[in-house]
Amino acid sequence: MTENEAFIYESIENQVRMGFLSLDEIKDNILEEIEDNEFENEISEDWANKHIEAEWQSRLNETKTWKSPTDTDRLIAAFDELCDQNIIALHNAGYTTSDGEYEVVDVERKLRDNGIVSDGYCFYHEQDLSRAIAKEDPSLYIAFQKVDNEDDGVTIKVGKKVVEVLKKHEFEVDWNESPTTKILIPNFKWELFYDKNNVDLDYEAVAKRMIGKK
């Protein structure tokens, strides 16, 4: 592969392995990425589609070896429990920490429209997820805080609640109880294959779940 082909192939691999996008969505994204980087003269749509479909099939074959519950299954269960305890817990919240915080505020707004103020939030974003899909030493960082909060004691309380629930779901957790340090789940292996019926990971589902517990 050329350097540019390798760049696009890495993006293909990441999007398939993360499991949040359909095959058609990935094809559209990759074609747009090729155009944005002005690689059209070097990388054809046929080349991209061939590698996308091959990676998709490879990941589908991997699912047959996964042991249930996967780390991802247990994380989803942990985040659901946090939502039930009035902690906003978002999956794949944007690309950066700032993006994640923006998504949290949007959910918080929906909650407050229904007379609910959350006790805090946690999330991981796409850059965090890229570490979890790594083939060597995978891990996942979790950000946490409370909306409109500047009290370190409150922040630490949120962090402790997140750690407590993660440990309950049998995760190893590394956190120094600092309000400015993310929670690390070492040896976390992300195993998720796209399913159009999987609405549990959607932000709207988080808001509805928390409002339903009112």
C-alpha atoms as a PDB file:
ATOM      1  CA  MET A   1       0.000   0.000   0.000  1.00  0.00           C
ATOM      2  CA  THR A   2       1.043   3.578  -0.564  1.00  0.00           C
ATOM      3  CA  GLU A   3       1.181   5.961   2.400  1.00  0.00           C
ATOM      4  CA  ASN A   4      -2.179   7.476   1.448  1.00  0.00           C
ATOM      5  CA  GLU A   5      -3.801   4.074   0.967  1.00  0.00           C
ATOM      6  CA  ALA A   6      -2.533   3.014   4.388  1.00  0.00           C
ATOM      7  CA  PHE A   7      -4.028   6.183   5.887  1.00  0.00           C
ATOM      8  CA  ILE A   8      -7.448   5.441   4.387  1.00  0.00           C
ATOM      9  CA  TYR A   9      -7.225   1.745   5.261  1.00  0.00           C
ATOM     10  CA  GLU A  10      -6.603   2.597   8.928  1.00  0.00           C
ATOM     11  CA  SER A  11      -9.755   4.728   8.897  1.00  0.00           C
ATOM     12  CA  ILE A  12     -11.703   1.848   7.338  1.00  0.00           C
ATOM     13  CA  GLU A  13     -10.444  -0.570   9.967  1.00  0.00           C
ATOM     14  CA  ASN A  14     -11.267   1.806  12.816  1.00  0.00           C
ATOM     15  CA  GLN A  15     -14.804   2.547  11.655  1.00  0.00           C
ATOM     16  CA  VAL A  16     -15.620  -1.124  11.132  1.00  0.00           C
ATOM     17  CA  ARG A  17     -14.105  -2.254  14.442  1.00  0.00           C
ATOM     18  CA  MET A  18     -15.857   0.448  16.464  1.00  0.00           C
ATOM     19  CA  GLY A  19     -19.222  -0.943  15.365  1.00  0.00           C
ATOM     20  CA  PHE A  20     -21.290   2.232  15.434  1.00  0.00           C
ATOM     21  CA  LEU A  21     -21.796   2.670  11.675  1.00  0.00           C
ATOM     22  CA  SER A  22     -23.524   0.589   9.006  1.00  0.00           C
ATOM     23  CA  LEU A  23     -21.665  -0.692   5.967  1.00  0.00           C
ATOM     24  CA  ASP A  24     -23.228   2.001   3.759  1.00  0.00           C
ATOM     25  CA  GLU A  25     -22.406   4.757   6.256  1.00  0.00           C
ATOM     26  CA  ILE A  26     -18.770   3.668   6.325  1.00  0.00           C
ATOM     27  CA  LYS A  27     -18.619   3.625   2.521  1.00  0.00           C
ATOM     28  CA  ASP A  28     -20.019   7.166   2.397  1.00  0.00           C
ATOM     29  CA  ASN A  29     -17.603   8.358   5.100  1.00  0.00           C
ATOM     30  CA  ILE A  30     -14.556   6.853   3.416  1.00  0.00           C
ATOM     31  CA  LEU A  31     -15.472   8.256  -0.002  1.00  0.00           C
ATOM     32  CA  GLU A  32     -15.859  11.677   1.589  1.00  0.00           C
ATOM     33  CA  GLU A  33     -12.514  11.268   3.377  1.00  0.00           C
ATOM     34  CA  ILE A  34     -10.812  10.375   0.083  1.00  0.00           C
ATOM     35  CA  GLU A  35     -12.291  13.468  -1.554  1.00  0.00           C
ATOM     36  CA  ASP A  36     -11.473  15.764   1.373  1.00  0.00           C
ATOM     37  CA  ASN A  37      -7.826  14.644   1.238  1.00  0.00           C
ATOM     38  CA  GLU A  38      -7.775  14.921  -2.587  1.00  0.00           C
ATOM     39  CA  PHE A  39      -6.758  11.277  -2.968  1.00  0.00           C
ATOM     40  CA  GLU A  40      -9.228  10.582  -5.844  1.00  0.00           C
ATOM     41  CA  ASN A  41      -6.485  10.225  -8.446  1.00  0.00           C
ATOM     42  CA  GLU A  42      -4.731   7.586  -6.342  1.00  0.00           C
ATOM     43  CA  ILE A  43      -7.541   5.776  -4.509  1.00  0.00           C
ATOM     44  CA  SER A  44     -10.628   4.626  -6.386  1.00  0.00           C
ATOM     45  CA  GLU A  45     -14.095   4.042  -4.965  1.00  0.00           C
ATOM     46  CA  ASP A  46     -13.780   0.395  -6.015  1.00  0.00           C
ATOM     47  CA  TRP A  47     -10.531   0.030  -4.045  1.00  0.00           C
ATOM     48  CA  ALA A  48     -12.155   1.557  -0.970  1.00  0.00           C
ATOM     49  CA  ASN A  49     -15.314  -0.554  -1.195  1.00  0.00           C
ATOM     50  CA  LYS A  50     -13.321  -3.759  -1.677  1.00  0.00           C
ATOM     51  CA  HIS A  51     -11.315  -3.114   1.496  1.00  0.00           C
ATOM     52  CA  ILE A  52     -14.355  -1.969   3.473  1.00  0.00           C
ATOM     53  CA  GLU A  53     -16.280  -5.128   2.592  1.00  0.00           C
ATOM     54  CA  ALA A  54     -13.273  -7.345   3.358  1.00  0.00           C
ATOM     55  CA  GLU A  55     -12.743  -5.691   6.749  1.00  0.00           C
ATOM     56  CA  TRP A  56     -16.469  -5.942   7.495  1.00  0.00           C
ATOM     57  CA  GLN A  57     -16.454  -9.678   6.757  1.00  0.00           C
ATOM     58  CA  SER A  58     -13.285 -10.167   8.804  1.00  0.00           C
ATOM     59  CA  ARG A  59     -14.863  -8.440  11.812  1.00  0.00           C
ATOM     60  CA  LEU A  60     -18.048 -10.475  11.380  1.00  0.00           C
ATOM     61  CA  ASN A  61     -15.954 -13.646  11.444  1.00  0.00           C
ATOM     62  CA  GLU A  62     -14.269 -12.430  14.659  1.00  0.00           C
ATOM     63  CA  THR A  63     -17.644 -12.177  16.390  1.00  0.00           C
ATOM     64  CA  LYS A  64     -17.916 -15.970  16.286  1.00  0.00           C
ATOM     65  CA  THR A  65     -14.962 -16.211  18.671  1.00  0.00           C
ATOM     66  CA  TRP A  66     -16.187 -13.618  21.189  1.00  0.00           C
ATOM     67  CA  LYS A  67     -17.072 -14.878  24.639  1.00  0.00           C
ATOM     68  CA  SER A  68     -20.255 -13.521  26.180  1.00  0.00           C
ATOM     69  CA  PRO A  69     -20.494 -11.228  27.993  1.00  0.00           C
ATOM     70  CA  THR A  70     -17.801  -9.232  26.230  1.00  0.00           C
ATOM     71  CA  ASP A  71     -16.061  -6.279  27.856  1.00  0.00           C
ATOM     72  CA  THR A  72     -18.339  -4.084  25.761  1.00  0.00           C
ATOM     73  CA  ASP A  73     -21.452  -5.903  27.015  1.00  0.00           C
ATOM     74  CA  ARG A  74     -20.354  -5.322  30.598  1.00  0.00           C
ATOM     75  CA  LEU A  75     -19.583  -1.649  29.918  1.00  0.00           C
ATOM     76  CA  ILE A  76     -23.031  -1.144  28.426  1.00  0.00           C
ATOM     77  CA  ALA A  77     -24.576  -2.745  31.523  1.00  0.00           C
ATOM     78  CA  ALA A  78     -22.447  -0.535  33.792  1.00  0.00           C
ATOM     79  CA  PHE A  79     -23.437   2.632  31.914  1.00  0.00           C
ATOM     80  CA  ASP A  80     -27.114   1.620  32.063  1.00  0.00           C
ATOM     81  CA  GLU A  81     -26.793   1.209  35.834  1.00  0.00           C
ATOM     82  CA  LEU A  82     -25.133   4.618  36.129  1.00  0.00           C
ATOM     83  CA  CYS A  83     -28.031   6.167  34.202  1.00  0.00           C
ATOM     84  CA  ASP A  84     -30.422   4.477  36.621  1.00  0.00           C
ATOM     85  CA  GLN A  85     -28.453   6.133  39.442  1.00  0.00           C
ATOM     86  CA  ASN A  86     -28.914   9.572  37.810  1.00  0.00           C
ATOM     87  CA  ILE A  87     -25.458   9.728  36.207  1.00  0.00           C
ATOM     88  CA  ILE A  88     -25.479  10.578  32.495  1.00  0.00           C
ATOM     89  CA  ALA A  89     -23.322   7.884  30.865  1.00  0.00           C
ATOM     90  CA  LEU A  90     -22.666   8.319  27.140  1.00  0.00           C
ATOM     91  CA  HIS A  91     -21.034   5.976  24.637  1.00  0.00           C
ATOM     92  CA  ASN A  92     -18.819   7.304  21.846  1.00  0.00           C
ATOM     93  CA  ALA A  93     -19.560  10.936  22.714  1.00  0.00           C
ATOM     94  CA  GLY A  94     -17.986  12.895  19.874  1.00  0.00           C
ATOM     95  CA  TYR A  95     -14.335  12.862  18.865  1.00  0.00           C
ATOM     96  CA  THR A  96     -12.737  14.802  21.739  1.00  0.00           C
ATOM     97  CA  THR A  97     -13.392  15.584  25.395  1.00  0.00           C
ATOM     98  CA  SER A  98     -14.898  18.938  24.409  1.00  0.00           C
ATOM     99  CA  ASP A  99     -17.271  17.156  22.036  1.00  0.00           C
ATOM    100  CA  GLY A 100     -18.297  14.798  24.826  1.00  0.00           C
ATOM    101  CA  GLU A 101     -18.995  17.658  27.194  1.00  0.00           C
ATOM    102  CA  TYR A 102     -21.177  19.296  24.556  1.00  0.00           C
ATOM    103  CA  GLU A 103     -23.187  16.076  24.126  1.00  0.00           C
ATOM    104  CA  VAL A 104     -23.608  15.780  27.908  1.00  0.00           C
ATOM    105  CA  VAL A 105     -24.988  19.314  28.161  1.00  0.00           C
ATOM    106  CA  ASP A 106     -27.517  18.490  25.444  1.00  0.00           C
ATOM    107  CA  VAL A 107     -28.748  15.470  27.432  1.00  0.00           C
ATOM    108  CA  GLU A 108     -28.762  17.518  30.653  1.00  0.00           C
ATOM    109  CA  ARG A 109     -30.950  20.112  28.940  1.00  0.00           C
ATOM    110  CA  LYS A 110     -33.479  17.430  28.021  1.00  0.00           C
ATOM    111  CA  LEU A 111     -33.451  16.159  31.610  1.00  0.00           C
ATOM    112  CA  ARG A 112     -33.984  19.624  33.079  1.00  0.00           C
ATOM    113  CA  ASP A 113     -36.874  20.198  30.679  1.00  0.00           C
ATOM    114  CA  ASN A 114     -38.425  17.246  32.528  1.00  0.00           C
ATOM    115  CA  GLY A 115     -37.587  18.484  36.032  1.00  0.00           C
ATOM    116  CA  ILE A 116     -34.446  16.375  36.496  1.00  0.00           C
ATOM    117  CA  VAL A 117     -30.930  17.536  37.390  1.00  0.00           C
ATOM    118  CA  SER A 118     -28.319  14.822  36.964  1.00  0.00           C
ATOM    119  CA  ASP A 119     -25.865  13.978  39.740  1.00  0.00           C
ATOM    120  CA  GLY A 120     -22.982  13.873  37.275  1.00  0.00           C
ATOM    121  CA  TYR A 121     -21.853  12.391  34.004  1.00  0.00           C
ATOM    122  CA  CYS A 122     -19.279  10.144  32.386  1.00  0.00           C
ATOM    123  CA  PHE A 123     -18.382   9.269  28.813  1.00  0.00           C
ATOM    124  CA  TYR A 124     -15.714   8.070  26.430  1.00  0.00           C
ATOM    125  CA  HIS A 125     -15.155   9.625  23.002  1.00  0.00           C
ATOM    126  CA  GLU A 126     -13.902   8.347  19.669  1.00  0.00           C
ATOM    127  CA  GLN A 127     -10.232   8.999  20.432  1.00  0.00           C
ATOM    128  CA  ASP A 128     -10.645   6.959  23.635  1.00  0.00           C
ATOM    129  CA  LEU A 129     -12.355   4.236  21.633  1.00  0.00           C
ATOM    130  CA  SER A 130      -9.463   4.082  19.182  1.00  0.00           C
ATOM    131  CA  ARG A 131      -7.281   2.853  22.069  1.00  0.00           C
ATOM    132  CA  ALA A 132      -9.843   0.206  22.991  1.00  0.00           C
ATOM    133  CA  ILE A 133      -9.859  -1.297  19.493  1.00  0.00           C
ATOM    134  CA  ALA A 134      -6.055  -1.492  19.390  1.00  0.00           C
ATOM    135  CA  LYS A 135      -4.793  -5.027  18.830  1.00  0.00           C
ATOM    136  CA  GLU A 136      -2.061  -4.614  21.449  1.00  0.00           C
ATOM    137  CA  ASP A 137      -2.584  -3.361  25.022  1.00  0.00           C
ATOM    138  CA  PRO A 138      -6.170  -2.110  24.516  1.00  0.00           C
ATOM    139  CA  SER A 139      -7.591   0.187  27.197  1.00  0.00           C
ATOM    140  CA  LEU A 140     -10.397   2.689  27.681  1.00  0.00           C
ATOM    141  CA  TYR A 141     -10.406   6.097  29.383  1.00  0.00           C
ATOM    142  CA  ILE A 142     -13.594   7.439  30.963  1.00  0.00           C
ATOM    143  CA  ALA A 143     -14.137  11.172  31.545  1.00  0.00           C
ATOM    144  CA  PHE A 144     -16.395  12.316  34.389  1.00  0.00           C
ATOM    145  CA  GLN A 145     -17.709  15.513  35.995  1.00  0.00           C
ATOM    146  CA  LYS A 146     -20.981  17.220  36.900  1.00  0.00           C
ATOM    147  CA  VAL A 147     -22.605  19.864  34.723  1.00  0.00           C
ATOM    148  CA  ASP A 148     -22.104  23.436  36.015  1.00  0.00           C
ATOM    149  CA  ASN A 149     -19.773  22.256  38.776  1.00  0.00           C
ATOM    150  CA  GLU A 150     -16.494  23.777  40.015  1.00  0.00           C
ATOM    151  CA  ASP A 151     -16.278  21.920  43.342  1.00  0.00           C
ATOM    152  CA  ASP A 152     -13.499  19.293  43.289  1.00  0.00           C
ATOM    153  CA  GLY A 153     -15.240  17.385  46.074  1.00  0.00           C
ATOM    154  CA  VAL A 154     -18.350  16.955  43.929  1.00  0.00           C
ATOM    155  CA  THR A 155     -16.216  15.882  40.953  1.00  0.00           C
ATOM    156  CA  ILE A 156     -14.407  13.259  43.028  1.00  0.00           C
ATOM    157  CA  LYS A 157     -17.743  11.964  44.338  1.00  0.00           C
ATOM    158  CA  VAL A 158     -18.891  11.420  40.749  1.00  0.00           C
ATOM    159  CA  GLY A 159     -15.627   9.662  39.927  1.00  0.00           C
ATOM    160  CA  LYS A 160     -16.001   7.356  42.924  1.00  0.00           C
ATOM    161  CA  LYS A 161     -19.545   6.436  41.884  1.00  0.00           C
ATOM    162  CA  VAL A 162     -18.388   5.608  38.346  1.00  0.00           C
ATOM    163  CA  VAL A 163     -15.512   3.493  39.701  1.00  0.00           C
ATOM    164  CA  GLU A 164     -17.847   1.714  42.118  1.00  0.00           C
ATOM    165  CA  VAL A 165     -20.221   0.690  39.337  1.00  0.00           C
ATOM    166  CA  LEU A 166     -17.406  -0.315  36.969  1.00  0.00           C
ATOM    167  CA  LYS A 167     -15.900  -2.548  39.659  1.00  0.00           C
ATOM    168  CA  LYS A 168     -19.326  -4.045  40.345  1.00  0.00           C
ATOM    169  CA  HIS A 169     -19.304  -5.129  36.703  1.00  0.00           C
ATOM    170  CA  GLU A 170     -15.907  -6.779  37.245  1.00  0.00           C
ATOM    171  CA  PHE A 171     -13.677  -4.204  35.583  1.00  0.00           C
ATOM    172  CA  GLU A 172     -10.148  -3.524  36.722  1.00  0.00           C
ATOM    173  CA  VAL A 173      -9.951   0.235  37.303  1.00  0.00           C
ATOM    174  CA  ASP A 174      -6.984   2.575  37.571  1.00  0.00           C
ATOM    175  CA  TRP A 175      -7.730   6.030  39.031  1.00  0.00           C
ATOM    176  CA  ASN A 176      -5.821   8.175  41.531  1.00  0.00           C
ATOM    177  CA  GLU A 177      -9.004   9.911  42.803  1.00  0.00           C
ATOM    178  CA  SER A 178      -7.915  13.197  41.248  1.00  0.00           C
ATOM    179  CA  PRO A 179     -10.715  15.424  39.884  1.00  0.00           C
ATOM    180  CA  THR A 180      -8.616  16.137  36.786  1.00  0.00           C
ATOM    181  CA  THR A 181      -7.533  12.576  35.933  1.00  0.00           C
ATOM    182  CA  LYS A 182      -9.645  10.318  33.751  1.00  0.00           C
ATOM    183  CA  ILE A 183     -10.594   6.841  34.936  1.00  0.00           C
ATOM    184  CA  LEU A 184      -8.674   4.121  33.102  1.00  0.00           C
ATOM    185  CA  ILE A 185      -9.951   0.619  32.390  1.00  0.00           C
ATOM    186  CA  PRO A 186      -6.792  -1.282  31.413  1.00  0.00           C
ATOM    187  CA  ASN A 187      -6.938  -4.473  29.344  1.00  0.00           C
ATOM    188  CA  PHE A 188     -10.296  -3.410  27.928  1.00  0.00           C
ATOM    189  CA  LYS A 189     -11.079  -5.132  24.641  1.00  0.00           C
ATOM    190  CA  TRP A 190     -13.759  -3.450  22.541  1.00  0.00           C
ATOM    191  CA  GLU A 191     -15.981  -6.030  20.851  1.00  0.00           C
ATOM    192  CA  LEU A 192     -19.035  -4.613  19.112  1.00  0.00           C
ATOM    193  CA  PHE A 193     -20.439  -5.353  15.670  1.00  0.00           C
ATOM    194  CA  TYR A 194     -22.908  -2.953  14.073  1.00  0.00           C
ATOM    195  CA  ASP A 195     -26.565  -3.716  14.734  1.00  0.00           C
ATOM    196  CA  LYS A 196     -29.223  -1.314  13.457  1.00  0.00           C
ATOM    197  CA  ASN A 197     -31.511  -2.392  16.309  1.00  0.00           C
ATOM    198  CA  ASN A 198     -29.014  -1.462  19.016  1.00  0.00           C
ATOM    199  CA  VAL A 199     -30.543   1.760  20.336  1.00  0.00           C
ATOM    200  CA  ASP A 200     -29.143   1.386  23.859  1.00  0.00           C
ATOM    201  CA  LEU A 201     -26.008   3.327  22.886  1.00  0.00           C
ATOM    202  CA  ASP A 202     -27.929   6.328  21.545  1.00  0.00           C
ATOM    203  CA  TYR A 203     -27.971   9.651  23.449  1.00  0.00           C
ATOM    204  CA  GLU A 204     -31.740   9.897  23.055  1.00  0.00           C
ATOM    205  CA  ALA A 205     -32.077   6.478  24.691  1.00  0.00           C
ATOM    206  CA  VAL A 206     -30.002   7.709  27.655  1.00  0.00           C
ATOM    207  CA  ALA A 207     -32.278  10.709  28.169  1.00  0.00           C
ATOM    208  CA  LYS A 208     -35.429   8.590  27.834  1.00  0.00           C
ATOM    209  CA  ARG A 209     -34.071   6.010  30.276  1.00  0.00           C
ATOM    210  CA  MET A 210     -33.270   8.658  32.890  1.00  0.00           C
ATOM    211  CA  ILE A 211     -36.547  10.507  32.418  1.00  0.00           C
ATOM    212  CA  GLY A 212     -38.398   7.198  32.694  1.00  0.00           C
ATOM    213  CA  LYS A 213     -36.815   6.657  36.152  1.00  0.00           C
ATOM    214  CA  LYS A 214     -38.245   9.955  37.411  1.00  0.00           C
END
